[in-house]
mmCIF file of all heavy atoms, coordinates in Angstrom:
data_MODEL
# 
_entry.id   MODEL 
# 
loop_
_atom_site.group_PDB 
_atom_site.id 
_atom_site.type_symbol 
_atom_site.label_atom_id 
_atom_site.label_alt_id 
_atom_site.label_comp_id 
_atom_site.label_asym_id 
_atom_site.label_entity_id 
_atom_site.label_seq_id 
_atom_site.pdbx_PDB_ins_code 
_atom_site.Cartn_x 
_atom_site.Cartn_y 
_atom_site.Cartn_z 
_atom_site.occupancy 
_atom_site.B_iso_or_equiv 
_atom_site.pdbx_formal_charge 
_atom_site.auth_seq_id 
_atom_site.auth_comp_id 
_atom_site.auth_asym_id 
_atom_site.auth_atom_id 
_atom_site.pdbx_PDB_model_num 
ATOM 1   N N   . ASP A 1 1  ? -5.612  13.373  -2.225 1.00 0.00 ? 1  ASP A N   1 
ATOM 2   C CA  . ASP A 1 1  ? -5.090  14.519  -3.084 1.00 0.00 ? 1  ASP A CA  1 
ATOM 3   C C   . ASP A 1 1  ? -3.780  15.102  -2.466 1.00 0.00 ? 1  ASP A C   1 
ATOM 4   O O   . ASP A 1 1  ? -2.892  15.591  -3.111 1.00 0.00 ? 1  ASP A O   1 
ATOM 5   C CB  . ASP A 1 1  ? -6.152  15.523  -3.184 1.00 0.00 ? 1  ASP A CB  1 
ATOM 6   C CG  . ASP A 1 1  ? -7.299  15.216  -4.142 1.00 0.00 ? 1  ASP A CG  1 
ATOM 7   O OD1 . ASP A 1 1  ? -7.083  14.320  -4.899 1.00 0.00 ? 1  ASP A OD1 1 
ATOM 8   O OD2 . ASP A 1 1  ? -8.330  15.892  -4.050 1.00 0.00 ? 1  ASP A OD2 1 
ATOM 9   N N   . THR A 1 2  ? -3.714  15.038  -1.091 1.00 0.00 ? 2  THR A N   1 
ATOM 10  C CA  . THR A 1 2  ? -2.499  15.499  -0.447 1.00 0.00 ? 2  THR A CA  1 
ATOM 11  C C   . THR A 1 2  ? -1.252  14.806  -0.883 1.00 0.00 ? 2  THR A C   1 
ATOM 12  O O   . THR A 1 2  ? -0.148  15.411  -0.922 1.00 0.00 ? 2  THR A O   1 
ATOM 13  C CB  . THR A 1 2  ? -2.661  15.365  1.078  1.00 0.00 ? 2  THR A CB  1 
ATOM 14  O OG1 . THR A 1 2  ? -3.774  16.181  1.508  1.00 0.00 ? 2  THR A OG1 1 
ATOM 15  C CG2 . THR A 1 2  ? -1.396  15.762  1.844  1.00 0.00 ? 2  THR A CG2 1 
ATOM 16  N N   . PHE A 1 3  ? -1.387  13.567  -1.323 1.00 0.00 ? 3  PHE A N   1 
ATOM 17  C CA  . PHE A 1 3  ? -0.190  12.750  -1.614 1.00 0.00 ? 3  PHE A CA  1 
ATOM 18  C C   . PHE A 1 3  ? -0.107  12.479  -3.078 1.00 0.00 ? 3  PHE A C   1 
ATOM 19  O O   . PHE A 1 3  ? 0.604   11.614  -3.547 1.00 0.00 ? 3  PHE A O   1 
ATOM 20  C CB  . PHE A 1 3  ? -0.308  11.462  -0.830 1.00 0.00 ? 3  PHE A CB  1 
ATOM 21  C CG  . PHE A 1 3  ? -0.300  11.669  0.646  1.00 0.00 ? 3  PHE A CG  1 
ATOM 22  C CD1 . PHE A 1 3  ? -1.460  11.526  1.309  1.00 0.00 ? 3  PHE A CD1 1 
ATOM 23  C CD2 . PHE A 1 3  ? 0.781   12.081  1.307  1.00 0.00 ? 3  PHE A CD2 1 
ATOM 24  C CE1 . PHE A 1 3  ? -1.540  11.758  2.688  1.00 0.00 ? 3  PHE A CE1 1 
ATOM 25  C CE2 . PHE A 1 3  ? 0.828   12.331  2.679  1.00 0.00 ? 3  PHE A CE2 1 
ATOM 26  C CZ  . PHE A 1 3  ? -0.432  12.177  3.430  1.00 0.00 ? 3  PHE A CZ  1 
ATOM 27  N N   . ARG A 1 4  ? -0.818  13.347  -3.963 1.00 0.00 ? 4  ARG A N   1 
ATOM 28  C CA  . ARG A 1 4  ? -0.674  13.118  -5.376 1.00 0.00 ? 4  ARG A CA  1 
ATOM 29  C C   . ARG A 1 4  ? 0.752   13.528  -5.853 1.00 0.00 ? 4  ARG A C   1 
ATOM 30  O O   . ARG A 1 4  ? 1.345   12.917  -6.679 1.00 0.00 ? 4  ARG A O   1 
ATOM 31  C CB  . ARG A 1 4  ? -1.686  13.974  -6.136 1.00 0.00 ? 4  ARG A CB  1 
ATOM 32  C CG  . ARG A 1 4  ? -3.133  13.343  -6.078 1.00 0.00 ? 4  ARG A CG  1 
ATOM 33  C CD  . ARG A 1 4  ? -4.107  14.158  -6.870 1.00 0.00 ? 4  ARG A CD  1 
ATOM 34  N NE  . ARG A 1 4  ? -5.499  13.587  -6.760 1.00 0.00 ? 4  ARG A NE  1 
ATOM 35  C CZ  . ARG A 1 4  ? -5.982  12.593  -7.598 1.00 0.00 ? 4  ARG A CZ  1 
ATOM 36  N NH1 . ARG A 1 4  ? -5.171  12.086  -8.454 1.00 0.00 ? 4  ARG A NH1 1 
ATOM 37  N NH2 . ARG A 1 4  ? -7.151  12.117  -7.408 1.00 0.00 ? 4  ARG A NH2 1 
ATOM 38  N N   . GLU A 1 5  ? 1.319   14.649  -5.367 1.00 0.00 ? 5  GLU A N   1 
ATOM 39  C CA  . GLU A 1 5  ? 2.548   15.137  -5.738 1.00 0.00 ? 5  GLU A CA  1 
ATOM 40  C C   . GLU A 1 5  ? 3.569   15.070  -4.614 1.00 0.00 ? 5  GLU A C   1 
ATOM 41  O O   . GLU A 1 5  ? 4.729   15.469  -4.747 1.00 0.00 ? 5  GLU A O   1 
ATOM 42  C CB  . GLU A 1 5  ? 2.505   16.538  -6.255 1.00 0.00 ? 5  GLU A CB  1 
ATOM 43  C CG  . GLU A 1 5  ? 1.554   16.715  -7.440 1.00 0.00 ? 5  GLU A CG  1 
ATOM 44  C CD  . GLU A 1 5  ? 2.096   15.977  -8.680 1.00 0.00 ? 5  GLU A CD  1 
ATOM 45  O OE1 . GLU A 1 5  ? 3.319   15.826  -8.804 1.00 0.00 ? 5  GLU A OE1 1 
ATOM 46  O OE2 . GLU A 1 5  ? 1.307   15.552  -9.475 1.00 0.00 ? 5  GLU A OE2 1 
ATOM 47  N N   . ARG A 1 6  ? 3.072   14.627  -3.462 1.00 0.00 ? 6  ARG A N   1 
ATOM 48  C CA  . ARG A 1 6  ? 3.971   14.585  -2.268 1.00 0.00 ? 6  ARG A CA  1 
ATOM 49  C C   . ARG A 1 6  ? 4.034   13.117  -1.758 1.00 0.00 ? 6  ARG A C   1 
ATOM 50  O O   . ARG A 1 6  ? 2.892   12.459  -1.564 1.00 0.00 ? 6  ARG A O   1 
ATOM 51  C CB  . ARG A 1 6  ? 3.320   15.376  -1.162 1.00 0.00 ? 6  ARG A CB  1 
ATOM 52  C CG  . ARG A 1 6  ? 3.951   15.323  0.272  1.00 0.00 ? 6  ARG A CG  1 
ATOM 53  C CD  . ARG A 1 6  ? 3.081   16.130  1.195  1.00 0.00 ? 6  ARG A CD  1 
ATOM 54  N NE  . ARG A 1 6  ? 3.535   16.054  2.610  1.00 0.00 ? 6  ARG A NE  1 
ATOM 55  C CZ  . ARG A 1 6  ? 2.841   16.519  3.645  1.00 0.00 ? 6  ARG A CZ  1 
ATOM 56  N NH1 . ARG A 1 6  ? 1.685   17.148  3.444  1.00 0.00 ? 6  ARG A NH1 1 
ATOM 57  N NH2 . ARG A 1 6  ? 3.353   16.440  4.815  1.00 0.00 ? 6  ARG A NH2 1 
ATOM 58  N N   . ALA A 1 7  ? 5.213   12.573  -1.702 1.00 0.00 ? 7  ALA A N   1 
ATOM 59  C CA  . ALA A 1 7  ? 5.289   11.163  -1.327 1.00 0.00 ? 7  ALA A CA  1 
ATOM 60  C C   . ALA A 1 7  ? 4.790   10.862  0.056  1.00 0.00 ? 7  ALA A C   1 
ATOM 61  O O   . ALA A 1 7  ? 4.930   11.662  1.037  1.00 0.00 ? 7  ALA A O   1 
ATOM 62  C CB  . ALA A 1 7  ? 6.790   10.684  -1.405 1.00 0.00 ? 7  ALA A CB  1 
ATOM 63  N N   . TYR A 1 8  ? 4.005   9.780   0.169  1.00 0.00 ? 8  TYR A N   1 
ATOM 64  C CA  . TYR A 1 8  ? 3.541   9.332   1.529  1.00 0.00 ? 8  TYR A CA  1 
ATOM 65  C C   . TYR A 1 8  ? 4.680   8.584   2.190  1.00 0.00 ? 8  TYR A C   1 
ATOM 66  O O   . TYR A 1 8  ? 5.154   7.584   1.620  1.00 0.00 ? 8  TYR A O   1 
ATOM 67  C CB  . TYR A 1 8  ? 2.321   8.437   1.400  1.00 0.00 ? 8  TYR A CB  1 
ATOM 68  C CG  . TYR A 1 8  ? 1.907   7.849   2.744  1.00 0.00 ? 8  TYR A CG  1 
ATOM 69  C CD1 . TYR A 1 8  ? 1.468   8.728   3.753  1.00 0.00 ? 8  TYR A CD1 1 
ATOM 70  C CD2 . TYR A 1 8  ? 2.000   6.529   3.010  1.00 0.00 ? 8  TYR A CD2 1 
ATOM 71  C CE1 . TYR A 1 8  ? 1.067   8.242   4.977  1.00 0.00 ? 8  TYR A CE1 1 
ATOM 72  C CE2 . TYR A 1 8  ? 1.631   5.942   4.204  1.00 0.00 ? 8  TYR A CE2 1 
ATOM 73  C CZ  . TYR A 1 8  ? 1.208   6.820   5.189  1.00 0.00 ? 8  TYR A CZ  1 
ATOM 74  O OH  . TYR A 1 8  ? 0.847   6.324   6.488  1.00 0.00 ? 8  TYR A OH  1 
ATOM 75  N N   . PRO A 1 9  ? 5.162   9.025   3.392  1.00 0.00 ? 9  PRO A N   1 
ATOM 76  C CA  . PRO A 1 9  ? 6.354   8.424   3.997  1.00 0.00 ? 9  PRO A CA  1 
ATOM 77  C C   . PRO A 1 9  ? 6.028   7.257   4.835  1.00 0.00 ? 9  PRO A C   1 
ATOM 78  O O   . PRO A 1 9  ? 6.218   7.172   6.084  1.00 0.00 ? 9  PRO A O   1 
ATOM 79  C CB  . PRO A 1 9  ? 6.894   9.551   4.799  1.00 0.00 ? 9  PRO A CB  1 
ATOM 80  C CG  . PRO A 1 9  ? 5.585   10.316  5.280  1.00 0.00 ? 9  PRO A CG  1 
ATOM 81  C CD  . PRO A 1 9  ? 4.653   10.203  4.108  1.00 0.00 ? 9  PRO A CD  1 
ATOM 82  N N   . GLY A 1 10 ? 5.491   6.146   4.217  1.00 0.00 ? 10 GLY A N   1 
ATOM 83  C CA  . GLY A 1 10 ? 5.112   4.936   4.936  1.00 0.00 ? 10 GLY A CA  1 
ATOM 84  C C   . GLY A 1 10 ? 4.948   3.753   4.000  1.00 0.00 ? 10 GLY A C   1 
ATOM 85  O O   . GLY A 1 10 ? 4.501   3.969   2.854  1.00 0.00 ? 10 GLY A O   1 
ATOM 86  N N   . GLY A 1 11 ? 5.181   2.554   4.450  1.00 0.00 ? 11 GLY A N   1 
ATOM 87  C CA  . GLY A 1 11 ? 5.005   1.437   3.647  1.00 0.00 ? 11 GLY A CA  1 
ATOM 88  C C   . GLY A 1 11 ? 5.395   0.156   4.372  1.00 0.00 ? 11 GLY A C   1 
ATOM 89  O O   . GLY A 1 11 ? 6.024   0.189   5.419  1.00 0.00 ? 11 GLY A O   1 
ATOM 90  N N   . LEU A 1 12 ? 4.988   -1.000  3.807  1.00 0.00 ? 12 LEU A N   1 
ATOM 91  C CA  . LEU A 1 12 ? 5.203   -2.237  4.477  1.00 0.00 ? 12 LEU A CA  1 
ATOM 92  C C   . LEU A 1 12 ? 5.600   -3.250  3.380  1.00 0.00 ? 12 LEU A C   1 
ATOM 93  O O   . LEU A 1 12 ? 4.978   -3.286  2.314  1.00 0.00 ? 12 LEU A O   1 
ATOM 94  C CB  . LEU A 1 12 ? 3.909   -2.747  5.142  1.00 0.00 ? 12 LEU A CB  1 
ATOM 95  C CG  . LEU A 1 12 ? 3.441   -1.838  6.223  1.00 0.00 ? 12 LEU A CG  1 
ATOM 96  C CD1 . LEU A 1 12 ? 1.904   -2.014  6.428  1.00 0.00 ? 12 LEU A CD1 1 
ATOM 97  C CD2 . LEU A 1 12 ? 4.083   -2.122  7.547  1.00 0.00 ? 12 LEU A CD2 1 
ATOM 98  N N   . THR A 1 13 ? 6.516   -4.150  3.687  1.00 0.00 ? 13 THR A N   1 
ATOM 99  C CA  . THR A 1 13 ? 6.998   -5.120  2.738  1.00 0.00 ? 13 THR A CA  1 
ATOM 100 C C   . THR A 1 13 ? 5.843   -5.941  2.168  1.00 0.00 ? 13 THR A C   1 
ATOM 101 O O   . THR A 1 13 ? 5.798   -6.285  0.970  1.00 0.00 ? 13 THR A O   1 
ATOM 102 C CB  . THR A 1 13 ? 8.009   -6.066  3.338  1.00 0.00 ? 13 THR A CB  1 
ATOM 103 O OG1 . THR A 1 13 ? 9.151   -5.282  3.723  1.00 0.00 ? 13 THR A OG1 1 
ATOM 104 C CG2 . THR A 1 13 ? 8.482   -7.100  2.319  1.00 0.00 ? 13 THR A CG2 1 
ATOM 105 N N   . TYR A 1 14 ? 4.895   -6.319  3.077  1.00 0.00 ? 14 TYR A N   1 
ATOM 106 C CA  . TYR A 1 14 ? 3.811   -7.232  2.721  1.00 0.00 ? 14 TYR A CA  1 
ATOM 107 C C   . TYR A 1 14 ? 2.536   -6.484  2.489  1.00 0.00 ? 14 TYR A C   1 
ATOM 108 O O   . TYR A 1 14 ? 1.457   -7.121  2.525  1.00 0.00 ? 14 TYR A O   1 
ATOM 109 C CB  . TYR A 1 14 ? 3.691   -8.213  3.801  1.00 0.00 ? 14 TYR A CB  1 
ATOM 110 C CG  . TYR A 1 14 ? 4.928   -9.032  3.979  1.00 0.00 ? 14 TYR A CG  1 
ATOM 111 C CD1 . TYR A 1 14 ? 5.534   -9.009  5.230  1.00 0.00 ? 14 TYR A CD1 1 
ATOM 112 C CD2 . TYR A 1 14 ? 5.477   -9.745  2.947  1.00 0.00 ? 14 TYR A CD2 1 
ATOM 113 C CE1 . TYR A 1 14 ? 6.803   -9.706  5.422  1.00 0.00 ? 14 TYR A CE1 1 
ATOM 114 C CE2 . TYR A 1 14 ? 6.648   -10.456 3.082  1.00 0.00 ? 14 TYR A CE2 1 
ATOM 115 C CZ  . TYR A 1 14 ? 7.316   -10.406 4.350  1.00 0.00 ? 14 TYR A CZ  1 
ATOM 116 O OH  . TYR A 1 14 ? 8.536   -11.047 4.518  1.00 0.00 ? 14 TYR A OH  1 
ATOM 117 N N   . SER A 1 15 ? 2.530   -5.233  2.166  1.00 0.00 ? 15 SER A N   1 
ATOM 118 C CA  . SER A 1 15 ? 1.327   -4.404  1.891  1.00 0.00 ? 15 SER A CA  1 
ATOM 119 C C   . SER A 1 15 ? 0.598   -4.956  0.673  1.00 0.00 ? 15 SER A C   1 
ATOM 120 O O   . SER A 1 15 ? 1.231   -5.061  -0.367 1.00 0.00 ? 15 SER A O   1 
ATOM 121 C CB  . SER A 1 15 ? 1.686   -2.976  1.677  1.00 0.00 ? 15 SER A CB  1 
ATOM 122 O OG  . SER A 1 15 ? 0.597   -2.250  1.301  1.00 0.00 ? 15 SER A OG  1 
ATOM 123 N N   . GLY A 1 16 ? -0.593  -5.375  0.805  1.00 0.00 ? 16 GLY A N   1 
ATOM 124 C CA  . GLY A 1 16 ? -1.425  -5.940  -0.267 1.00 0.00 ? 16 GLY A CA  1 
ATOM 125 C C   . GLY A 1 16 ? -0.807  -7.352  -0.746 1.00 0.00 ? 16 GLY A C   1 
ATOM 126 O O   . GLY A 1 16 ? -0.775  -7.609  -1.981 1.00 0.00 ? 16 GLY A O   1 
ATOM 127 N N   . HIS A 1 17 ? -0.395  -8.123  0.163  1.00 0.00 ? 17 HIS A N   1 
ATOM 128 C CA  . HIS A 1 17 ? 0.177   -9.446  -0.140 1.00 0.00 ? 17 HIS A CA  1 
ATOM 129 C C   . HIS A 1 17 ? -0.860  -10.188 -1.037 1.00 0.00 ? 17 HIS A C   1 
ATOM 130 O O   . HIS A 1 17 ? -2.023  -10.301 -0.683 1.00 0.00 ? 17 HIS A O   1 
ATOM 131 C CB  . HIS A 1 17 ? 0.468   -10.188 1.198  1.00 0.00 ? 17 HIS A CB  1 
ATOM 132 C CG  . HIS A 1 17 ? 1.277   -11.428 1.004  1.00 0.00 ? 17 HIS A CG  1 
ATOM 133 N ND1 . HIS A 1 17 ? 0.776   -12.613 0.383  1.00 0.00 ? 17 HIS A ND1 1 
ATOM 134 C CD2 . HIS A 1 17 ? 2.646   -11.654 1.241  1.00 0.00 ? 17 HIS A CD2 1 
ATOM 135 C CE1 . HIS A 1 17 ? 1.754   -13.483 0.374  1.00 0.00 ? 17 HIS A CE1 1 
ATOM 136 N NE2 . HIS A 1 17 ? 2.847   -12.897 0.859  1.00 0.00 ? 17 HIS A NE2 1 
ATOM 137 N N   . PRO A 1 18 ? -0.397  -10.844 -2.096 1.00 0.00 ? 18 PRO A N   1 
ATOM 138 C CA  . PRO A 1 18 ? -1.261  -11.521 -2.998 1.00 0.00 ? 18 PRO A CA  1 
ATOM 139 C C   . PRO A 1 18 ? -2.226  -12.554 -2.363 1.00 0.00 ? 18 PRO A C   1 
ATOM 140 O O   . PRO A 1 18 ? -3.377  -12.651 -2.726 1.00 0.00 ? 18 PRO A O   1 
ATOM 141 C CB  . PRO A 1 18 ? -0.389  -12.038 -4.059 1.00 0.00 ? 18 PRO A CB  1 
ATOM 142 C CG  . PRO A 1 18 ? 0.789   -11.165 -4.103 1.00 0.00 ? 18 PRO A CG  1 
ATOM 143 C CD  . PRO A 1 18 ? 1.012   -10.795 -2.710 1.00 0.00 ? 18 PRO A CD  1 
ATOM 144 N N   . LEU A 1 19 ? -1.622  -13.389 -1.514 1.00 0.00 ? 19 LEU A N   1 
ATOM 145 C CA  . LEU A 1 19 ? -2.443  -14.374 -0.859 1.00 0.00 ? 19 LEU A CA  1 
ATOM 146 C C   . LEU A 1 19 ? -3.484  -13.834 -0.024 1.00 0.00 ? 19 LEU A C   1 
ATOM 147 O O   . LEU A 1 19 ? -4.661  -14.295 -0.007 1.00 0.00 ? 19 LEU A O   1 
ATOM 148 C CB  . LEU A 1 19 ? -1.554  -15.320 -0.032 1.00 0.00 ? 19 LEU A CB  1 
ATOM 149 C CG  . LEU A 1 19 ? -0.420  -16.134 -0.764 1.00 0.00 ? 19 LEU A CG  1 
ATOM 150 C CD1 . LEU A 1 19 ? 0.322   -17.022 0.242  1.00 0.00 ? 19 LEU A CD1 1 
ATOM 151 C CD2 . LEU A 1 19 ? -1.004  -16.953 -1.852 1.00 0.00 ? 19 LEU A CD2 1 
ATOM 152 N N   . ALA A 1 20 ? -3.186  -12.765 0.711  1.00 0.00 ? 20 ALA A N   1 
ATOM 153 C CA  . ALA A 1 20 ? -4.138  -12.085 1.570  1.00 0.00 ? 20 ALA A CA  1 
ATOM 154 C C   . ALA A 1 20 ? -5.230  -11.411 0.733  1.00 0.00 ? 20 ALA A C   1 
ATOM 155 O O   . ALA A 1 20 ? -6.377  -11.464 1.017  1.00 0.00 ? 20 ALA A O   1 
ATOM 156 C CB  . ALA A 1 20 ? -3.454  -11.104 2.459  1.00 0.00 ? 20 ALA A CB  1 
ATOM 157 N N   . CYS A 1 21 ? -4.853  -10.791 -0.318 1.00 0.00 ? 21 CYS A N   1 
ATOM 158 C CA  . CYS A 1 21 ? -5.794  -10.105 -1.194 1.00 0.00 ? 21 CYS A CA  1 
ATOM 159 C C   . CYS A 1 21 ? -6.691  -11.069 -1.923 1.00 0.00 ? 21 CYS A C   1 
ATOM 160 O O   . CYS A 1 21 ? -7.874  -10.828 -2.104 1.00 0.00 ? 21 CYS A O   1 
ATOM 161 C CB  . CYS A 1 21 ? -5.153  -9.179  -2.153 1.00 0.00 ? 21 CYS A CB  1 
ATOM 162 S SG  . CYS A 1 21 ? -4.447  -7.684  -1.373 1.00 0.00 ? 21 CYS A SG  1 
ATOM 163 N N   . ALA A 1 22 ? -6.079  -12.177 -2.379 1.00 0.00 ? 22 ALA A N   1 
ATOM 164 C CA  . ALA A 1 22 ? -6.951  -13.239 -2.985 1.00 0.00 ? 22 ALA A CA  1 
ATOM 165 C C   . ALA A 1 22 ? -8.006  -13.664 -2.037 1.00 0.00 ? 22 ALA A C   1 
ATOM 166 O O   . ALA A 1 22 ? -9.209  -13.952 -2.404 1.00 0.00 ? 22 ALA A O   1 
ATOM 167 C CB  . ALA A 1 22 ? -6.106  -14.431 -3.473 1.00 0.00 ? 22 ALA A CB  1 
ATOM 168 N N   . ALA A 1 23 ? -7.555  -13.877 -0.755 1.00 0.00 ? 23 ALA A N   1 
ATOM 169 C CA  . ALA A 1 23 ? -8.625  -14.321 0.262  1.00 0.00 ? 23 ALA A CA  1 
ATOM 170 C C   . ALA A 1 23 ? -9.666  -13.218 0.435  1.00 0.00 ? 23 ALA A C   1 
ATOM 171 O O   . ALA A 1 23 ? -10.864 -13.524 0.623  1.00 0.00 ? 23 ALA A O   1 
ATOM 172 C CB  . ALA A 1 23 ? -7.877  -14.553 1.532  1.00 0.00 ? 23 ALA A CB  1 
ATOM 173 N N   . ALA A 1 24 ? -9.274  -11.977 0.361  1.00 0.00 ? 24 ALA A N   1 
ATOM 174 C CA  . ALA A 1 24 ? -10.247 -10.876 0.531  1.00 0.00 ? 24 ALA A CA  1 
ATOM 175 C C   . ALA A 1 24 ? -11.228 -10.793 -0.598 1.00 0.00 ? 24 ALA A C   1 
ATOM 176 O O   . ALA A 1 24 ? -12.462 -10.649 -0.324 1.00 0.00 ? 24 ALA A O   1 
ATOM 177 C CB  . ALA A 1 24 ? -9.540  -9.466  0.662  1.00 0.00 ? 24 ALA A CB  1 
# 
């Protein structure tokens, strides 16, 4: 809820990579 209207200042190019998520 803290980040519903406030941007979360973090991220990664490969966050949730499709190959990794398919394996998961």
